[in-house]
Amino acid sequence: MNNNHFSRRQFLERTAALTGTLLLPACSSLSPFRSKRTAADQVALGKTGLKLSRLGFGTGSNGGNVQFSLGQEQFNSLIHYAYDQGITYFDCAQNYKTFDWMAGAIKGLPREKLFLQSKVPGKPEQILDTIDRQRKVLNTDYVDSMLIHCMVQNGWTDDYKRIMDAFDEAKHRKWIRAKGVSCHSVPALRTAAASPWTEVHLVRVNPQGRYTDDTVDSWDGRSHNIAPVLEELKIMRAKGRGVIGMKIIGNGDFTNPEDREKSIRYAMSRPELDAVVIGFKTTGEIDEAIRRMNQALAEQV
């Protein structure tokens, strides 16, 4: 009788334990069911409170000329194809040739599910008017992330104080949801990482060092040692910044599949990167990037 009672109690205890395990959230380290990570995941952009797809679609390859050469109808179709594959992050800029096409390209897609990032070049005299015009061209009430475009100088924040203040005002008006900068030199990157103003960083990253930031105030396509860039990435992550990797395909120079595989695997291995953006011109390129990212992420589990 006692043995039967003990066995029944054991059964109930084990059943309760199993039920508790099943109820653990998928992200719990104790859960036996770890969620699968993919290129289409909605990931947090640092501590901005915003989310975007892990893989983004860049619309400015060689200033947007690559995508512009497709023609507007094919460009629109490519944007919709990307969205159908789970890509919700679209990266544009005022000086890309495709910029005036973007409103038509995203037409019919649910705005609340999109993450639109744009950029302001130079130092416009009426910066708020410039940001407002971008909203109107994109046919949206707000831009999710607005960046100061292509900084190369050390200490650029001193020269861009007026622009940064205007970005703050635009955020206050809810014209933009996050603010940041894209950099094209290590000195500019260090300035951005050190500044408390920056919320989002767009950083050139690939293990081959192709078109990545150099330690001088310049922009070029030579291969560089990326160790200084990695140092700044770690600082950005420690500060809770949103960090997006670009030039993953070496500005389109990685025509060898092995180079693309190496670079994508590297980007997926960097814990500092929230997301990456790649400029696409065909559905095949989108499919390949997703496949390579998914495989790299699956092997890390």
Foldseek 3Di string as FASTA:
>chain_A
DVVVVVVVVVVVVVVVVVVVLVPDDLCDPSHPRHDADFQLDFFDQFPLPHTFGQEEAECQQVLNPLQVVVPLVLSLVLLVLLVVVRGQEYEEEPRRPCLLSQLVSCPPPPPVSHAYEYEDEDADPPLLVVLVVSCVSNVHQAHAEYAHEEFQDAPVCVVCVVVLVSVVVCCVVVNYSAYAYEYQALNVLVNRLPDPSHQEYEAEDFCQQAQHHYHHRDGDGDRDHCVSVLVSLVSCNVVRHRYEYECLCNSVPVPDVVRNLRSLLVVLPDPSHRHYYYHDRDVVVSVVSRVSNSVSSNVVD
